[in-house]
Amino acid sequence: MKRSWQPLASALYLTAVALLGVETLAGCKGQSTAGVEARKNAKDRFDKVGVGVARAQASQALEAGQFTEALKHIDKVIVVAPTDSKAHLLRGRIVLEMGRLESAANEFKYAHELNPGCDECCYYLGVVYQRWSRDEEAHAHYAAALAIEPTNAHYLLSEAETLLALNRVEEAKRLVDDTLCHFEFNSALAHLRSEIAAAEGDDEQALHFIELAVTLAPDPTLYQEDAAVVAFNAEQWDRCLIALSTLPEATIQRDDLLRMQARCLMLTNRGSEARDLLVRLESSVLSGKAGTTVEQDLTLGYIAWLVDDLVRAEGCADRLIARNSKLCDGYLLKGLILEHRGEYESALVALSKACELDPDRKVACDLMLRAQAATLALGGVAVITVR
């Protein structure tokens, strides 16, 4: 007799329904361990994405100069991830830009505690200490940053420049020489080597390196003004004029650079050009309220005398004496003009006063003696004595 398969099928169906009911009830009572872990991982992934987005927004706002907005974004990150060293580093950079140095230092220190290998933490701490004029501590932090990341040119430059500020020129030079292989074609490093050479009194080397910096720089105008100054100090007048000629119009019209240009023109036998340049400067200044400066009257006065523009030279001399009766140059220039006119007794009075005010000024004392001799030769009585 055949057994019917229907009762067996019914039994299996009921068993399956019962098992499904048990699983369903278990699901209603609570989550499985695997489910909890999955949800936790999903939340962590979501938080990480959110932190990354907020940090990127803070960084973008910082770069755009929107510091308050940047601070709002980064503070949201720190609430979610209070031990995120990158977040504290970025917060430090933001408050540093806001001028809150104490707060910035605390952020950089905490970020460094969280990540001792953070070179940027050390570097920005150096920046804070440098702004506090604590150069020794700034140097220590720049050195720590460079030790962590020895191929970072910015860290090298910061450490070397701090050594120069501390007047530790030999150490700065040794530091640069020891790391030169990493930065051989770096324009900023060439500029730094120019500064070191200048600090050592080697104007020729300083000029070589500043001109190398100009050659290597993507934007040569960054260093052209320094190149002009270094060339002037090295008494390379033509090279100074070349460097000045490359500067933007707004820069070259500065009083100090115009005076430098005039001196170079005078020293390259272009005295009339020098005088005319300074006359234009004088006219523009006198048309305003400020009036001429001591430096302007000194430069124009001597150049005018050298090109026989005695009226203008005397005007400068008189202004110098009226402005500062303790300044040797006003009397020296006045004496030169009077001597040129043959008024030796008056010249002797002026030159004696110049020598009295600055006994170490050899030219003033030599001219006084010459005027004294001329006065005696012409039958006058030289009664002026130097105290």
Protein backbone atom coordinates (compact mmCIF):
# COMPACT_ATOMS: atom_id res chain seq x y z
CA MET A 1 0.00 0.00 0.00
CA LYS A 2 1.42 3.36 -1.09
CA ARG A 3 1.91 6.10 1.49
CA SER A 4 0.55 9.48 0.58
CA TRP A 5 3.18 12.26 0.22
CA GLN A 6 0.69 15.00 1.14
CA PRO A 7 0.86 14.57 4.98
CA LEU A 8 4.69 14.75 4.76
CA ALA A 9 4.58 17.91 2.67
CA SER A 10 2.17 19.50 5.09
CA ALA A 11 4.45 18.68 8.02
CA LEU A 12 7.47 20.24 6.31
CA TYR A 13 5.47 23.37 5.49
CA LEU A 14 4.33 23.80 9.08
CA THR A 15 7.88 23.32 10.33
CA ALA A 16 9.18 26.02 7.95
CA VAL A 17 6.47 28.45 9.02
CA ALA A 18 7.28 27.80 12.69
CA LEU A 19 10.98 28.41 12.13
CA LEU A 20 10.27 31.60 10.20
CA GLY A 21 8.09 32.80 13.04
CA VAL A 22 10.90 32.21 15.55
CA GLU A 23 13.41 34.20 13.46
CA THR A 24 10.88 36.99 13.00
CA LEU A 25 10.22 37.17 16.72
CA ALA A 26 13.97 37.20 17.40
CA GLY A 27 14.30 40.12 14.98
CA CYS A 28 11.58 42.00 16.78
CA LYS A 29 13.18 41.49 20.16
CA GLY A 30 16.62 43.01 19.17
CA GLN A 31 19.49 43.31 16.65
CA SER A 32 22.01 40.58 16.10
CA THR A 33 25.67 41.25 16.95
CA ALA A 34 26.51 41.35 13.26
CA GLY A 35 23.80 43.94 12.64
CA VAL A 36 25.02 46.21 15.42
CA GLU A 37 28.58 46.03 14.13
CA ALA A 38 27.47 46.76 10.58
CA ARG A 39 25.51 49.81 11.70
CA LYS A 40 28.46 51.04 13.78
CA ASN A 41 30.83 50.67 10.82
CA ALA A 42 28.38 52.51 8.60
CA LYS A 43 28.14 55.38 11.11
CA ASP A 44 31.95 55.56 11.39
CA ARG A 45 32.23 55.71 7.62
CA PHE A 46 29.60 58.45 7.50
CA ASP A 47 31.37 60.44 10.24
CA LYS A 48 34.70 60.15 8.44
CA VAL A 49 33.16 61.42 5.24
CA GLY A 50 31.53 64.30 7.14
CA VAL A 51 34.80 65.15 8.90
CA GLY A 52 36.65 65.13 5.59
CA VAL A 53 34.08 67.40 3.97
CA ALA A 54 34.02 69.85 6.87
CA ARG A 55 37.83 69.92 7.05
CA ALA A 56 37.99 70.62 3.30
CA GLN A 57 35.45 73.42 3.70
CA ALA A 58 37.52 74.91 6.54
CA SER A 59 40.68 74.72 4.45
CA GLN A 60 39.00 76.40 1.48
CA ALA A 61 37.62 79.18 3.69
CA LEU A 62 41.09 79.70 5.18
CA GLU A 63 42.66 80.02 1.74
CA ALA A 64 39.94 82.51 0.78
CA GLY A 65 40.63 84.61 3.86
CA GLN A 66 37.23 83.81 5.39
CA PHE A 67 38.60 83.03 8.83
CA THR A 68 35.36 83.15 10.86
CA GLU A 69 33.69 80.78 8.41
CA ALA A 70 36.72 78.50 8.47
CA LEU A 71 36.62 78.39 12.26
CA LYS A 72 32.94 77.35 12.25
CA HIS A 73 33.67 74.42 9.94
CA ILE A 74 36.72 73.17 11.83
CA ASP A 75 34.99 73.43 15.21
CA LYS A 76 32.31 71.05 13.87
CA VAL A 77 35.07 68.60 12.97
CA ILE A 78 36.60 68.77 16.45
CA VAL A 79 33.23 68.07 18.10
CA VAL A 80 32.96 64.82 16.11
CA ALA A 81 36.70 63.96 16.18
CA PRO A 82 38.31 65.65 19.22
CA THR A 83 41.61 63.79 18.77
CA ASP A 84 42.03 64.50 15.06
CA SER A 85 45.53 66.04 14.92
CA LYS A 86 44.95 67.45 11.42
CA ALA A 87 41.85 69.27 12.63
CA HIS A 88 43.76 70.88 15.52
CA LEU A 89 46.61 71.81 13.18
CA LEU A 90 44.16 73.47 10.80
CA ARG A 91 42.40 75.24 13.66
CA GLY A 92 45.77 76.56 14.79
CA ARG A 93 46.49 77.94 11.32
CA ILE A 94 43.08 79.66 11.25
CA VAL A 95 43.43 81.39 14.63
CA LEU A 96 47.04 82.27 13.75
CA GLU A 97 45.72 84.22 10.75
CA MET A 98 43.24 85.89 13.09
CA GLY A 99 46.13 87.09 15.26
CA ARG A 100 45.26 84.88 18.22
CA LEU A 101 48.80 83.70 18.85
CA GLU A 102 48.28 82.08 22.26
CA SER A 103 45.35 80.02 21.00
CA ALA A 104 47.31 79.06 17.88
CA ALA A 105 50.28 77.88 19.93
CA ASN A 106 48.02 75.70 22.10
CA GLU A 107 46.44 74.09 19.02
CA PHE A 108 49.84 73.36 17.44
CA LYS A 109 51.19 71.90 20.69
CA TYR A 110 48.15 69.64 21.11
CA ALA A 111 48.30 68.54 17.47
CA HIS A 112 51.98 67.66 18.01
CA GLU A 113 51.11 65.65 21.12
CA LEU A 114 48.55 63.71 19.09
CA ASN A 115 51.05 63.23 16.25
CA PRO A 116 54.72 63.65 17.27
CA GLY A 117 55.77 63.20 13.65
CA CYS A 118 53.86 66.31 12.53
CA ASP A 119 56.43 68.56 10.84
CA GLU A 120 53.87 71.31 10.17
CA CYS A 121 53.06 71.52 13.90
CA CYS A 122 56.73 72.29 14.60
CA TYR A 123 56.96 74.76 11.74
CA TYR A 124 53.89 76.76 12.75
CA LEU A 125 55.02 76.82 16.37
CA GLY A 126 58.20 78.39 15.02
CA VAL A 127 56.10 81.02 13.25
CA VAL A 128 54.28 81.85 16.50
CA TYR A 129 57.50 82.19 18.50
CA GLN A 130 59.05 84.34 15.78
CA ARG A 131 56.06 86.69 15.95
CA TRP A 132 56.64 86.87 19.69
CA SER A 133 60.28 87.84 18.88
CA ARG A 134 61.50 84.72 20.68
CA ASP A 135 63.95 83.79 17.96
CA GLU A 136 65.82 81.06 19.87
CA GLU A 137 62.61 79.09 20.42
CA ALA A 138 61.49 79.78 16.87
CA HIS A 139 64.79 78.38 15.59
CA ALA A 140 64.41 75.24 17.71
CA HIS A 141 60.99 74.51 16.22
CA TYR A 142 62.09 75.25 12.63
CA ALA A 143 65.02 72.88 13.17
CA ALA A 144 62.64 70.19 14.49
CA ALA A 145 60.42 70.59 11.40
CA LEU A 146 63.42 70.29 9.08
CA ALA A 147 64.65 67.20 10.95
CA ILE A 148 61.30 65.50 10.29
CA GLU A 149 61.10 66.65 6.65
CA PRO A 150 64.65 67.47 5.46
CA THR A 151 63.63 68.10 1.83
CA ASN A 152 61.25 70.94 2.64
CA ALA A 153 62.91 74.13 1.36
CA HIS A 154 60.57 76.36 3.36
CA TYR A 155 61.70 74.81 6.64
CA LEU A 156 65.34 75.23 5.66
CA LEU A 157 64.84 78.88 4.72
CA SER A 158 62.99 79.62 7.95
CA GLU A 159 65.67 78.03 10.11
CA ALA A 160 68.53 79.73 8.25
CA GLU A 161 66.85 83.15 8.29
CA THR A 162 66.28 82.83 12.03
CA LEU A 163 69.96 82.03 12.49
CA LEU A 164 70.78 85.22 10.56
CA ALA A 165 68.41 87.17 12.80
CA LEU A 166 70.33 85.74 15.78
CA ASN A 167 73.59 86.86 14.11
CA ARG A 168 74.73 83.23 13.88
CA VAL A 169 75.97 83.67 10.33
CA GLU A 170 78.42 80.75 10.30
CA GLU A 171 75.73 78.32 11.45
CA ALA A 172 73.35 79.61 8.77
CA LYS A 173 76.00 79.15 6.09
CA ARG A 174 76.87 75.64 7.30
CA LEU A 175 73.20 74.65 7.38
CA VAL A 176 72.70 75.81 3.79
CA ASP A 177 75.91 74.20 2.54
CA ASP A 178 75.04 70.88 4.18
CA THR A 179 71.63 70.72 2.49
CA LEU A 180 72.55 72.28 -0.86
CA CYS A 181 72.22 68.98 -2.74
CA HIS A 182 68.44 69.02 -2.11
CA PHE A 183 67.86 72.61 -3.27
CA GLU A 184 70.55 73.43 -5.83
CA PHE A 185 68.17 75.18 -8.23
CA ASN A 186 65.92 76.86 -5.67
CA SER A 187 65.66 80.64 -6.20
CA ALA A 188 64.72 81.33 -2.57
CA LEU A 189 67.82 79.47 -1.42
CA ALA A 190 69.99 81.49 -3.81
CA HIS A 191 68.46 84.64 -2.29
CA LEU A 192 69.26 83.35 1.19
CA ARG A 193 72.86 82.65 0.20
CA SER A 194 73.06 86.25 -1.01
CA GLU A 195 71.90 87.43 2.43
CA ILE A 196 74.51 85.26 4.12
CA ALA A 197 77.29 86.58 1.87
CA ALA A 198 76.16 90.15 2.57
CA ALA A 199 76.21 89.45 6.32
CA GLU A 200 79.79 88.24 5.90
CA GLY A 201 80.68 91.43 4.04
CA ASP A 202 81.28 89.67 0.74
CA ASP A 203 79.38 91.98 -1.62
CA GLU A 204 80.69 90.28 -4.75
CA GLN A 205 79.34 86.87 -3.69
CA ALA A 206 76.12 88.49 -2.51
CA LEU A 207 75.64 89.98 -5.97
CA HIS A 208 76.41 86.66 -7.65
CA PHE A 209 73.78 84.81 -5.65
CA ILE A 210 71.07 87.47 -5.93
CA GLU A 211 71.48 87.51 -9.70
CA LEU A 212 71.27 83.71 -9.65
CA ALA A 213 68.01 84.03 -7.69
CA VAL A 214 66.66 86.38 -10.36
CA THR A 215 67.61 83.86 -13.05
CA LEU A 216 66.03 80.88 -11.26
CA ALA A 217 62.84 82.57 -10.08
CA PRO A 218 59.60 81.96 -12.01
CA ASP A 219 58.89 85.66 -11.45
CA PRO A 220 62.23 87.56 -11.56
CA THR A 221 60.64 90.77 -10.22
CA LEU A 222 60.46 89.09 -6.80
CA TYR A 223 64.19 89.69 -6.37
CA GLN A 224 64.99 92.62 -8.67
CA GLU A 225 64.71 95.23 -5.93
CA ASP A 226 67.08 93.26 -3.71
CA ALA A 227 69.37 92.81 -6.72
CA ALA A 228 69.49 96.59 -7.17
CA VAL A 229 70.39 97.14 -3.50
CA VAL A 230 73.07 94.44 -3.51
CA ALA A 231 74.56 95.80 -6.76
CA PHE A 232 74.62 99.30 -5.26
CA ASN A 233 76.41 98.03 -2.14
CA ALA A 234 78.89 96.21 -4.39
CA GLU A 235 79.49 99.51 -6.27
CA GLN A 236 78.27 97.97 -9.50
CA TRP A 237 76.40 101.04 -10.66
CA ASP A 238 75.47 99.83 -14.16
CA ARG A 239 74.10 96.55 -12.83
CA CYS A 240 72.14 98.46 -10.22
CA LEU A 241 70.57 100.60 -12.94
CA ILE A 242 69.69 97.49 -14.96
CA ALA A 243 67.95 95.93 -11.95
CA LEU A 244 66.07 99.16 -11.22
CA SER A 245 64.90 99.40 -14.83
CA THR A 246 63.05 96.08 -14.50
CA LEU A 247 60.93 97.17 -11.53
CA PRO A 248 57.24 98.08 -11.89
CA GLU A 249 56.58 101.80 -12.34
CA ALA A 250 54.90 102.14 -8.95
CA THR A 251 57.94 100.65 -7.23
CA ILE A 252 60.64 102.61 -9.05
CA GLN A 253 58.88 105.87 -8.14
CA ARG A 254 59.61 105.34 -4.46
CA ASP A 255 61.80 108.10 -3.03
CA ASP A 256 64.56 105.79 -1.82
CA LEU A 257 64.86 104.00 -5.16
CA LEU A 258 64.82 107.27 -7.10
CA ARG A 259 67.69 108.53 -4.96
CA MET A 260 69.56 105.29 -5.55
CA GLN A 261 68.98 105.62 -9.30
CA ALA A 262 70.23 109.24 -9.20
CA ARG A 263 73.42 108.24 -7.39
CA CYS A 264 74.10 105.51 -9.93
CA LEU A 265 73.54 107.94 -12.79
CA MET A 266 75.93 110.39 -11.19
CA LEU A 267 78.57 107.71 -10.68
CA THR A 268 78.30 106.63 -14.33
CA ASN A 269 78.98 110.17 -15.59
CA ARG A 270 75.32 111.00 -16.20
CA GLY A 271 75.13 113.83 -13.68
CA SER A 272 72.62 115.97 -15.56
CA GLU A 273 70.20 113.05 -15.76
CA ALA A 274 70.66 112.46 -12.05
CA ARG A 275 70.01 116.12 -11.23
CA ASP A 276 66.92 116.27 -13.44
CA LEU A 277 65.52 113.10 -11.88
CA LEU A 278 65.87 114.55 -8.38
CA VAL A 279 64.47 117.93 -9.45
CA ARG A 280 61.32 116.16 -10.64
CA LEU A 281 61.16 114.36 -7.30
CA GLU A 282 61.64 117.65 -5.45
CA SER A 283 58.87 119.32 -7.46
CA SER A 284 56.42 116.51 -6.78
CA VAL A 285 57.21 116.58 -3.06
CA LEU A 286 57.00 120.36 -2.74
CA SER A 287 53.62 120.31 -4.47
CA GLY A 288 52.31 118.31 -1.52
CA LYS A 289 52.25 119.05 2.18
CA ALA A 290 55.12 116.87 3.36
CA GLY A 291 58.06 118.93 2.08
CA THR A 292 61.49 117.59 1.20
CA THR A 293 63.33 115.19 3.48
CA VAL A 294 66.90 115.33 4.72
CA GLU A 295 67.80 112.47 2.39
CA GLN A 296 66.34 114.28 -0.63
CA ASP A 297 68.17 117.53 0.13
CA LEU A 298 71.44 115.69 0.75
CA THR A 299 71.35 113.76 -2.51
CA LEU A 300 70.12 116.61 -4.68
CA GLY A 301 72.42 119.11 -3.01
CA TYR A 302 75.63 117.18 -3.66
CA ILE A 303 74.62 116.17 -7.20
CA ALA A 304 73.60 119.75 -8.05
CA TRP A 305 76.99 120.96 -6.79
CA LEU A 306 78.79 118.34 -8.89
CA VAL A 307 77.02 119.54 -12.07
CA ASP A 308 77.61 123.22 -11.20
CA ASP A 309 73.98 123.94 -10.38
CA LEU A 310 75.09 126.10 -7.45
CA VAL A 311 71.80 127.90 -6.91
CA ARG A 312 69.93 124.62 -6.37
CA ALA A 313 72.79 123.20 -4.31
CA GLU A 314 72.76 126.24 -2.02
CA GLY A 315 69.01 125.98 -1.59
CA CYS A 316 69.48 122.41 -0.39
CA ALA A 317 72.34 123.44 1.93
CA ASP A 318 70.28 126.22 3.51
CA ARG A 319 67.34 123.83 4.08
CA LEU A 320 69.67 121.28 5.68
CA ILE A 321 71.14 123.85 8.09
CA ALA A 322 67.70 125.22 8.97
CA ARG A 323 66.28 121.74 9.49
CA ASN A 324 69.12 120.33 11.60
CA SER A 325 71.89 122.62 12.80
CA LYS A 326 73.75 119.60 14.22
CA LEU A 327 74.13 117.94 10.83
CA CYS A 328 77.60 118.28 9.34
CA ASP A 329 76.50 118.00 5.69
CA GLY A 330 74.58 121.26 5.51
CA TYR A 331 77.67 123.26 6.49
CA LEU A 332 79.96 121.09 4.36
CA LEU A 333 77.84 121.68 1.27
CA LYS A 334 77.55 125.40 2.05
CA GLY A 335 81.33 125.62 2.45
CA LEU A 336 81.90 123.92 -0.90
CA ILE A 337 79.61 126.40 -2.65
CA LEU A 338 81.20 129.43 -0.96
CA GLU A 339 84.70 128.18 -1.75
CA HIS A 340 83.69 127.67 -5.38
CA ARG A 341 82.61 131.31 -5.49
CA GLY A 342 85.90 132.43 -4.00
CA GLU A 343 84.33 133.53 -0.71
CA TYR A 344 87.07 131.84 1.31
CA GLU A 345 86.51 133.48 4.67
CA SER A 346 82.80 132.58 4.67
CA ALA A 347 83.69 129.11 3.36
CA LEU A 348 86.16 128.71 6.22
CA VAL A 349 83.46 129.51 8.78
CA ALA A 350 81.07 126.97 7.30
CA LEU A 351 83.70 124.23 6.87
CA SER A 352 85.05 124.77 10.38
CA LYS A 353 81.54 124.26 11.72
CA ALA A 354 81.23 121.07 9.65
CA CYS A 355 84.54 119.79 11.05
CA GLU A 356 83.50 120.73 14.58
CA LEU A 357 80.25 118.78 14.26
CA ASP A 358 81.96 115.69 12.82
CA PRO A 359 85.72 115.65 13.57
CA ASP A 360 86.03 112.16 12.07
CA ARG A 361 84.71 113.36 8.71
CA LYS A 362 88.06 113.62 6.93
CA VAL A 363 86.76 115.44 3.87
CA ALA A 364 85.26 118.21 6.02
CA CYS A 365 88.50 118.79 7.93
CA ASP A 366 90.63 118.62 4.75
CA LEU A 367 88.40 121.20 3.04
CA MET A 368 88.57 123.43 6.11
CA LEU A 369 92.36 123.36 6.01
CA ARG A 370 92.29 124.12 2.30
CA ALA A 371 89.97 127.11 2.86
CA GLN A 372 92.18 128.25 5.70
CA ALA A 373 95.25 128.11 3.45
CA ALA A 374 93.43 130.02 0.71
CA THR A 375 92.37 132.68 3.18
CA LEU A 376 95.93 133.13 4.40
CA ALA A 377 97.29 133.19 0.86
CA LEU A 378 94.93 136.01 0.00
CA GLY A 379 96.07 138.03 2.99
CA GLY A 380 93.21 137.20 5.30
CA VAL A 381 93.59 136.20 8.94
CA ALA A 382 92.49 132.66 9.72
CA VAL A 383 91.20 132.88 13.25
CA ILE A 384 88.96 129.79 13.09
CA THR A 385 90.11 126.93 15.26
CA VAL A 386 88.65 123.47 15.61
CA ARG A 387 87.61 122.42 19.07
